[in-house]
């Protein structure tokens, strides 16, 4: 079974929508953070505090060809 290796950026436990063929650059990680946190943080009105982003790059293994699997 041929595997396809890709990377995704996870911010505060939420997996990103984009998959990268190689490890994302620092600019790509910063862009993903600013897409989810445009002001740099989110104010949690119930806790009365700011939530700041924590980014993590995850390695994802996917099957390249699904035809031969039954």
PDB file of N, CA and C in Angstrom:
ATOM      1  N   UNK A   1       0.839  -1.177   0.000  1.00  0.00           N
ATOM      2  CA  UNK A   1       0.000   0.000   0.000  1.00  0.00           C
ATOM      3  C   UNK A   1       0.888   1.245   0.000  1.00  0.00           C
ATOM      4  N   UNK A   2       0.823   2.036  -1.056  1.00  0.00           N
ATOM      5  CA  UNK A   2       1.625   3.256  -1.098  1.00  0.00           C
ATOM      6  C   UNK A   2       1.020   4.340  -0.196  1.00  0.00           C
ATOM      7  N   UNK A   3       1.865   4.929   0.619  1.00  0.00           N
ATOM      8  CA  UNK A   3       1.421   5.981   1.521  1.00  0.00           C
ATOM      9  C   UNK A   3       1.835   7.343   0.993  1.00  0.00           C
ATOM     10  N   UNK A   4       0.985   8.316   1.239  1.00  0.00           N
ATOM     11  CA  UNK A   4       1.275   9.694   0.904  1.00  0.00           C
ATOM     12  C   UNK A   4       1.481  10.443   2.214  1.00  0.00           C
ATOM     13  N   UNK A   5       2.607  11.110   2.344  1.00  0.00           N
ATOM     14  CA  UNK A   5       2.912  11.836   3.570  1.00  0.00           C
ATOM     15  C   UNK A   5       2.663  13.318   3.322  1.00  0.00           C
ATOM     16  N   UNK A   6       1.899  13.931   4.209  1.00  0.00           N
ATOM     17  CA  UNK A   6       1.658  15.361   4.125  1.00  0.00           C
ATOM     18  C   UNK A   6       1.644  15.941   5.530  1.00  0.00           C
ATOM     19  N   UNK A   7       1.627  17.246   5.603  1.00  0.00           N
ATOM     20  CA  UNK A   7       1.659  17.945   6.882  1.00  0.00           C
ATOM     21  C   UNK A   7       0.450  18.867   6.976  1.00  0.00           C
ATOM     22  N   UNK A   8      -0.042  19.082   8.176  1.00  0.00           N
ATOM     23  CA  UNK A   8      -1.121  20.023   8.421  1.00  0.00           C
ATOM     24  C   UNK A   8      -0.798  20.814   9.688  1.00  0.00           C
ATOM     25  N   UNK A   9      -1.351  22.013   9.769  1.00  0.00           N
ATOM     26  CA  UNK A   9      -1.119  22.879  10.922  1.00  0.00           C
ATOM     27  C   UNK A   9      -2.329  22.785  11.844  1.00  0.00           C
ATOM     28  N   UNK A  10      -2.069  22.470  13.101  1.00  0.00           N
ATOM     29  CA  UNK A  10      -3.117  22.364  14.108  1.00  0.00           C
ATOM     30  C   UNK A  10      -2.969  23.539  15.071  1.00  0.00           C
ATOM     31  N   UNK A  11      -4.063  24.293  15.237  1.00  0.00           N
ATOM     32  CA  UNK A  11      -4.032  25.457  16.124  1.00  0.00           C
ATOM     33  C   UNK A  11      -5.044  25.247  17.235  1.00  0.00           C
ATOM     34  N   UNK A  12      -4.560  25.223  18.463  1.00  0.00           N
ATOM     35  CA  UNK A  12      -5.393  25.003  19.655  1.00  0.00           C
ATOM     36  C   UNK A  12      -6.268  23.756  19.508  1.00  0.00           C
ATOM     37  N   UNK A  13      -5.716  22.703  18.954  1.00  0.00           N
ATOM     38  CA  UNK A  13      -6.415  21.433  18.850  1.00  0.00           C
ATOM     39  C   UNK A  13      -7.315  21.298  17.642  1.00  0.00           C
ATOM     40  N   UNK A  14      -7.440  22.324  16.818  1.00  0.00           N
ATOM     41  CA  UNK A  14      -8.277  22.273  15.624  1.00  0.00           C
ATOM     42  C   UNK A  14      -7.389  22.101  14.400  1.00  0.00           C
ATOM     43  N   UNK A  15      -7.636  21.041  13.660  1.00  0.00           N
ATOM     44  CA  UNK A  15      -6.835  20.737  12.484  1.00  0.00           C
ATOM     45  C   UNK A  15      -7.150  21.714  11.368  1.00  0.00           C
ATOM     46  N   UNK A  16      -6.117  22.175  10.701  1.00  0.00           N
ATOM     47  CA  UNK A  16      -6.289  23.107   9.594  1.00  0.00           C
ATOM     48  C   UNK A  16      -6.864  22.448   8.357  1.00  0.00           C
ATOM     49  N   UNK A  17      -7.273  23.264   7.419  1.00  0.00           N
ATOM     50  CA  UNK A  17      -7.885  22.770   6.179  1.00  0.00           C
ATOM     51  C   UNK A  17      -6.853  22.441   5.116  1.00  0.00           C
ATOM     52  N   UNK A  18      -5.682  23.024   5.217  1.00  0.00           N
ATOM     53  CA  UNK A  18      -4.668  22.870   4.178  1.00  0.00           C
ATOM     54  C   UNK A  18      -3.718  21.725   4.502  1.00  0.00           C
ATOM     55  N   UNK A  19      -3.319  21.022   3.436  1.00  0.00           N
ATOM     56  CA  UNK A  19      -2.299  19.989   3.546  1.00  0.00           C
ATOM     57  C   UNK A  19      -1.088  20.448   2.745  1.00  0.00           C
ATOM     58  N   UNK A  20       0.101  20.222   3.292  1.00  0.00           N
ATOM     59  CA  UNK A  20       1.347  20.645   2.667  1.00  0.00           C
ATOM     60  C   UNK A  20       2.172  19.411   2.324  1.00  0.00           C
ATOM     61  N   UNK A  21       2.847  19.463   1.164  1.00  0.00           N
ATOM     62  CA  UNK A  21       3.699  18.349   0.739  1.00  0.00           C
ATOM     63  C   UNK A  21       4.980  18.280   1.561  1.00  0.00           C
ATOM     64  N   UNK A  22       5.479  19.431   1.988  1.00  0.00           N
ATOM     65  CA  UNK A  22       6.678  19.474   2.828  1.00  0.00           C
ATOM     66  C   UNK A  22       6.330  20.230   4.110  1.00  0.00           C
ATOM     67  N   UNK A  23       7.259  20.223   5.049  1.00  0.00           N
ATOM     68  CA  UNK A  23       7.034  20.898   6.320  1.00  0.00           C
ATOM     69  C   UNK A  23       6.750  22.372   6.062  1.00  0.00           C
ATOM     70  N   UNK A  24       5.645  22.918   6.612  1.00  0.00           N
ATOM     71  CA  UNK A  24       5.296  24.312   6.322  1.00  0.00           C
ATOM     72  C   UNK A  24       6.357  25.296   6.838  1.00  0.00           C
ATOM     73  N   UNK A  25       6.514  26.369   6.093  1.00  0.00           N
ATOM     74  CA  UNK A  25       7.469  27.396   6.495  1.00  0.00           C
ATOM     75  C   UNK A  25       6.889  28.226   7.638  1.00  0.00           C
ATOM     76  N   UNK A  26       7.733  29.038   8.226  1.00  0.00           N
ATOM     77  CA  UNK A  26       7.290  29.889   9.331  1.00  0.00           C
ATOM     78  C   UNK A  26       6.219  30.878   8.868  1.00  0.00           C
ATOM     79  N   UNK A  27       6.329  31.384   7.640  1.00  0.00           N
ATOM     80  CA  UNK A  27       5.327  32.313   7.102  1.00  0.00           C
ATOM     81  C   UNK A  27       3.980  31.622   6.913  1.00  0.00           C
ATOM     82  N   UNK A  28       3.984  30.365   6.456  1.00  0.00           N
ATOM     83  CA  UNK A  28       2.727  29.620   6.288  1.00  0.00           C
ATOM     84  C   UNK A  28       2.062  29.347   7.634  1.00  0.00           C
ATOM     85  N   UNK A  29       2.862  29.064   8.650  1.00  0.00           N
ATOM     86  CA  UNK A  29       2.313  28.836   9.991  1.00  0.00           C
ATOM     87  C   UNK A  29       1.728  30.132  10.542  1.00  0.00           C
ATOM     88  N   UNK A  30       2.442  31.249  10.364  1.00  0.00           N
ATOM     89  CA  UNK A  30       1.937  32.533  10.831  1.00  0.00           C
ATOM     90  C   UNK A  30       0.659  32.936  10.109  1.00  0.00           C
ATOM     91  N   UNK A  31       0.561  32.623   8.812  1.00  0.00           N
ATOM     92  CA  UNK A  31      -0.657  32.934   8.058  1.00  0.00           C
ATOM     93  C   UNK A  31      -1.838  32.114   8.574  1.00  0.00           C
ATOM     94  N   UNK A  32      -1.619  30.849   8.893  1.00  0.00           N
ATOM     95  CA  UNK A  32      -2.691  30.010   9.439  1.00  0.00           C
ATOM     96  C   UNK A  32      -3.154  30.548  10.795  1.00  0.00           C
ATOM     97  N   UNK A  33      -2.220  31.048  11.595  1.00  0.00           N
ATOM     98  CA  UNK A  33      -2.583  31.613  12.894  1.00  0.00           C
ATOM     99  C   UNK A  33      -3.402  32.888  12.709  1.00  0.00           C
ATOM    100  N   UNK A  34      -2.974  33.777  11.813  1.00  0.00           N
ATOM    101  CA  UNK A  34      -3.708  35.027  11.616  1.00  0.00           C
ATOM    102  C   UNK A  34      -5.062  34.797  10.951  1.00  0.00           C
ATOM    103  N   UNK A  35      -5.224  33.706  10.197  1.00  0.00           N
ATOM    104  CA  UNK A  35      -6.537  33.384   9.627  1.00  0.00           C
ATOM    105  C   UNK A  35      -7.535  33.018  10.722  1.00  0.00           C
ATOM    106  N   UNK A  36      -7.084  32.284  11.743  1.00  0.00           N
ATOM    107  CA  UNK A  36      -7.976  31.871  12.830  1.00  0.00           C
ATOM    108  C   UNK A  36      -8.049  32.900  13.950  1.00  0.00           C
ATOM    109  N   UNK A  37      -6.973  33.649  14.174  1.00  0.00           N
ATOM    110  CA  UNK A  37      -6.901  34.645  15.242  1.00  0.00           C
ATOM    111  C   UNK A  37      -6.490  35.987  14.633  1.00  0.00           C
ATOM    112  N   UNK A  38      -7.404  36.700  13.980  1.00  0.00           N
ATOM    113  CA  UNK A  38      -7.015  37.940  13.299  1.00  0.00           C
ATOM    114  C   UNK A  38      -6.461  39.013  14.233  1.00  0.00           C
ATOM    115  N   UNK A  39      -6.912  39.066  15.480  1.00  0.00           N
ATOM    116  CA  UNK A  39      -6.408  40.069  16.417  1.00  0.00           C
ATOM    117  C   UNK A  39      -5.240  39.550  17.245  1.00  0.00           C
ATOM    118  N   UNK A  40      -4.881  38.295  17.064  1.00  0.00           N
ATOM    119  CA  UNK A  40      -3.790  37.700  17.829  1.00  0.00           C
ATOM    120  C   UNK A  40      -4.285  36.924  19.034  1.00  0.00           C
ATOM    121  N   UNK A  41      -5.544  37.079  19.374  1.00  0.00           N
ATOM    122  CA  UNK A  41      -6.149  36.360  20.497  1.00  0.00           C
ATOM    123  C   UNK A  41      -7.666  36.391  20.324  1.00  0.00           C
ATOM    124  N   UNK A  42      -8.368  35.590  21.107  1.00  0.00           N
ATOM    125  CA  UNK A  42      -9.828  35.595  21.158  1.00  0.00           C
ATOM    126  C   UNK A  42     -10.222  35.803  22.604  1.00  0.00           C
ATOM    127  N   UNK A  43     -11.150  36.719  22.844  1.00  0.00           N
ATOM    128  CA  UNK A  43     -11.604  36.988  24.204  1.00  0.00           C
ATOM    129  C   UNK A  43     -12.703  35.996  24.565  1.00  0.00           C
ATOM    130  N   UNK A  44     -12.511  35.256  25.639  1.00  0.00           N
ATOM    131  CA  UNK A  44     -13.499  34.309  26.148  1.00  0.00           C
ATOM    132  C   UNK A  44     -14.342  35.031  27.195  1.00  0.00           C
ATOM    133  N   UNK A  45     -15.578  35.366  26.836  1.00  0.00           N
ATOM    134  CA  UNK A  45     -16.414  36.162  27.731  1.00  0.00           C
ATOM    135  C   UNK A  45     -16.873  35.381  28.959  1.00  0.00           C
ATOM    136  N   UNK A  46     -16.934  34.058  28.871  1.00  0.00           N
ATOM    137  CA  UNK A  46     -17.369  33.261  30.014  1.00  0.00           C
ATOM    138  C   UNK A  46     -16.264  33.139  31.070  1.00  0.00           C
ATOM    139  N   UNK A  47     -15.039  32.981  30.610  1.00  0.00           N
ATOM    140  CA  UNK A  47     -13.912  32.879  31.538  1.00  0.00           C
ATOM    141  C   UNK A  47     -13.334  34.255  31.881  1.00  0.00           C
ATOM    142  N   UNK A  48     -13.639  35.244  31.046  1.00  0.00           N
ATOM    143  CA  UNK A  48     -13.120  36.581  31.288  1.00  0.00           C
ATOM    144  C   UNK A  48     -11.636  36.707  31.026  1.00  0.00           C
ATOM    145  N   UNK A  49     -11.124  35.938  30.059  1.00  0.00           N
ATOM    146  CA  UNK A  49      -9.692  35.995  29.740  1.00  0.00           C
ATOM    147  C   UNK A  49      -9.486  35.820  28.246  1.00  0.00           C
ATOM    148  N   UNK A  50      -8.300  36.146  27.798  1.00  0.00           N
ATOM    149  CA  UNK A  50      -7.946  36.005  26.390  1.00  0.00           C
ATOM    150  C   UNK A  50      -7.394  34.610  26.125  1.00  0.00           C
ATOM    151  N   UNK A  51      -7.733  34.079  24.955  1.00  0.00           N
ATOM    152  CA  UNK A  51      -7.193  32.791  24.507  1.00  0.00           C
ATOM    153  C   UNK A  51      -6.191  33.087  23.405  1.00  0.00           C
ATOM    154  N   UNK A  52      -4.954  32.651  23.595  1.00  0.00           N
ATOM    155  CA  UNK A  52      -3.898  32.884  22.625  1.00  0.00           C
ATOM    156  C   UNK A  52      -3.642  31.604  21.832  1.00  0.00           C
ATOM    157  N   UNK A  53      -3.225  31.730  20.562  1.00  0.00           N
ATOM    158  CA  UNK A  53      -3.037  30.551  19.719  1.00  0.00           C
ATOM    159  C   UNK A  53      -1.785  29.756  20.072  1.00  0.00           C
ATOM    160  N   UNK A  54      -1.916  28.436  19.955  1.00  0.00           N
ATOM    161  CA  UNK A  54      -0.790  27.518  20.082  1.00  0.00           C
ATOM    162  C   UNK A  54      -0.801  26.664  18.818  1.00  0.00           C
ATOM    163  N   UNK A  55       0.228  26.786  18.002  1.00  0.00           N
ATOM    164  CA  UNK A  55       0.289  26.071  16.729  1.00  0.00           C
ATOM    165  C   UNK A  55       1.194  24.855  16.846  1.00  0.00           C
ATOM    166  N   UNK A  56       0.792  23.797  16.136  1.00  0.00           N
ATOM    167  CA  UNK A  56       1.556  22.558  16.114  1.00  0.00           C
ATOM    168  C   UNK A  56       1.428  21.966  14.713  1.00  0.00           C
ATOM    169  N   UNK A  57       2.527  21.495  14.157  1.00  0.00           N
ATOM    170  CA  UNK A  57       2.512  20.868  12.837  1.00  0.00           C
ATOM    171  C   UNK A  57       2.411  19.361  13.026  1.00  0.00           C
ATOM    172  N   UNK A  58       1.441  18.751  12.347  1.00  0.00           N
ATOM    173  CA  UNK A  58       1.222  17.312  12.444  1.00  0.00           C
ATOM    174  C   UNK A  58       1.558  16.649  11.111  1.00  0.00           C
ATOM    175  N   UNK A  59       2.144  15.477  11.194  1.00  0.00           N
ATOM    176  CA  UNK A  59       2.458  14.676  10.016  1.00  0.00           C
ATOM    177  C   UNK A  59       1.295  13.716   9.793  1.00  0.00           C
ATOM    178  N   UNK A  60       0.779  13.671   8.560  1.00  0.00           N
ATOM    179  CA  UNK A  60      -0.401  12.871   8.238  1.00  0.00           C
ATOM    180  C   UNK A  60      -0.019  11.830   7.180  1.00  0.00           C
ATOM    181  N   UNK A  61      -0.405  10.591   7.426  1.00  0.00           N
ATOM    182  CA  UNK A  61      -0.193   9.512   6.458  1.00  0.00           C
ATOM    183  C   UNK A  61      -1.535   9.157   5.835  1.00  0.00           C
ATOM    184  N   UNK A  62      -1.611   9.177   4.507  1.00  0.00           N
ATOM    185  CA  UNK A  62      -2.844   8.815   3.796  1.00  0.00           C
ATOM    186  C   UNK A  62      -2.501   7.803   2.702  1.00  0.00           C
ATOM    187  N   UNK A  63      -3.476   6.981   2.342  1.00  0.00           N
ATOM    188  CA  UNK A  63      -3.276   6.038   1.252  1.00  0.00           C
ATOM    189  C   UNK A  63      -3.341   6.786  -0.075  1.00  0.00           C
ATOM    190  N   UNK A  64      -2.402   6.488  -0.945  1.00  0.00           N
ATOM    191  CA  UNK A  64      -2.341   7.182  -2.225  1.00  0.00           C
ATOM    192  C   UNK A  64      -3.410   6.673  -3.192  1.00  0.00           C
ATOM    193  N   UNK A  65      -3.674   5.371  -3.182  1.00  0.00           N
ATOM    194  CA  UNK A  65      -4.630   4.782  -4.113  1.00  0.00           C
ATOM    195  C   UNK A  65      -5.622   3.940  -3.324  1.00  0.00           C
ATOM    196  N   UNK A  66      -6.894   4.300  -3.358  1.00  0.00           N
ATOM    197  CA  UNK A  66      -7.920   3.604  -2.595  1.00  0.00           C
ATOM    198  C   UNK A  66      -8.588   2.479  -3.406  1.00  0.00           C
ATOM    199  N   UNK A  67      -8.241   2.303  -4.701  1.00  0.00           N
ATOM    200  CA  UNK A  67      -8.924   1.337  -5.560  1.00  0.00           C
ATOM    201  C   UNK A  67      -8.710  -0.114  -5.147  1.00  0.00           C
ATOM    202  N   UNK A  68      -7.532  -0.468  -4.718  1.00  0.00           N
ATOM    203  CA  UNK A  68      -7.206  -1.843  -4.418  1.00  0.00           C
ATOM    204  C   UNK A  68      -7.663  -2.331  -3.046  1.00  0.00           C
ATOM    205  N   UNK A  69      -8.288  -1.481  -2.259  1.00  0.00           N
ATOM    206  CA  UNK A  69      -8.702  -1.841  -0.905  1.00  0.00           C
ATOM    207  C   UNK A  69     -10.172  -2.246  -0.909  1.00  0.00           C
ATOM    208  N   UNK A  70     -10.454  -3.388  -0.316  1.00  0.00           N
ATOM    209  CA  UNK A  70     -11.841  -3.865  -0.241  1.00  0.00           C
ATOM    210  C   UNK A  70     -12.235  -4.070   1.187  1.00  0.00           C
TER     211      UNK A  70
END
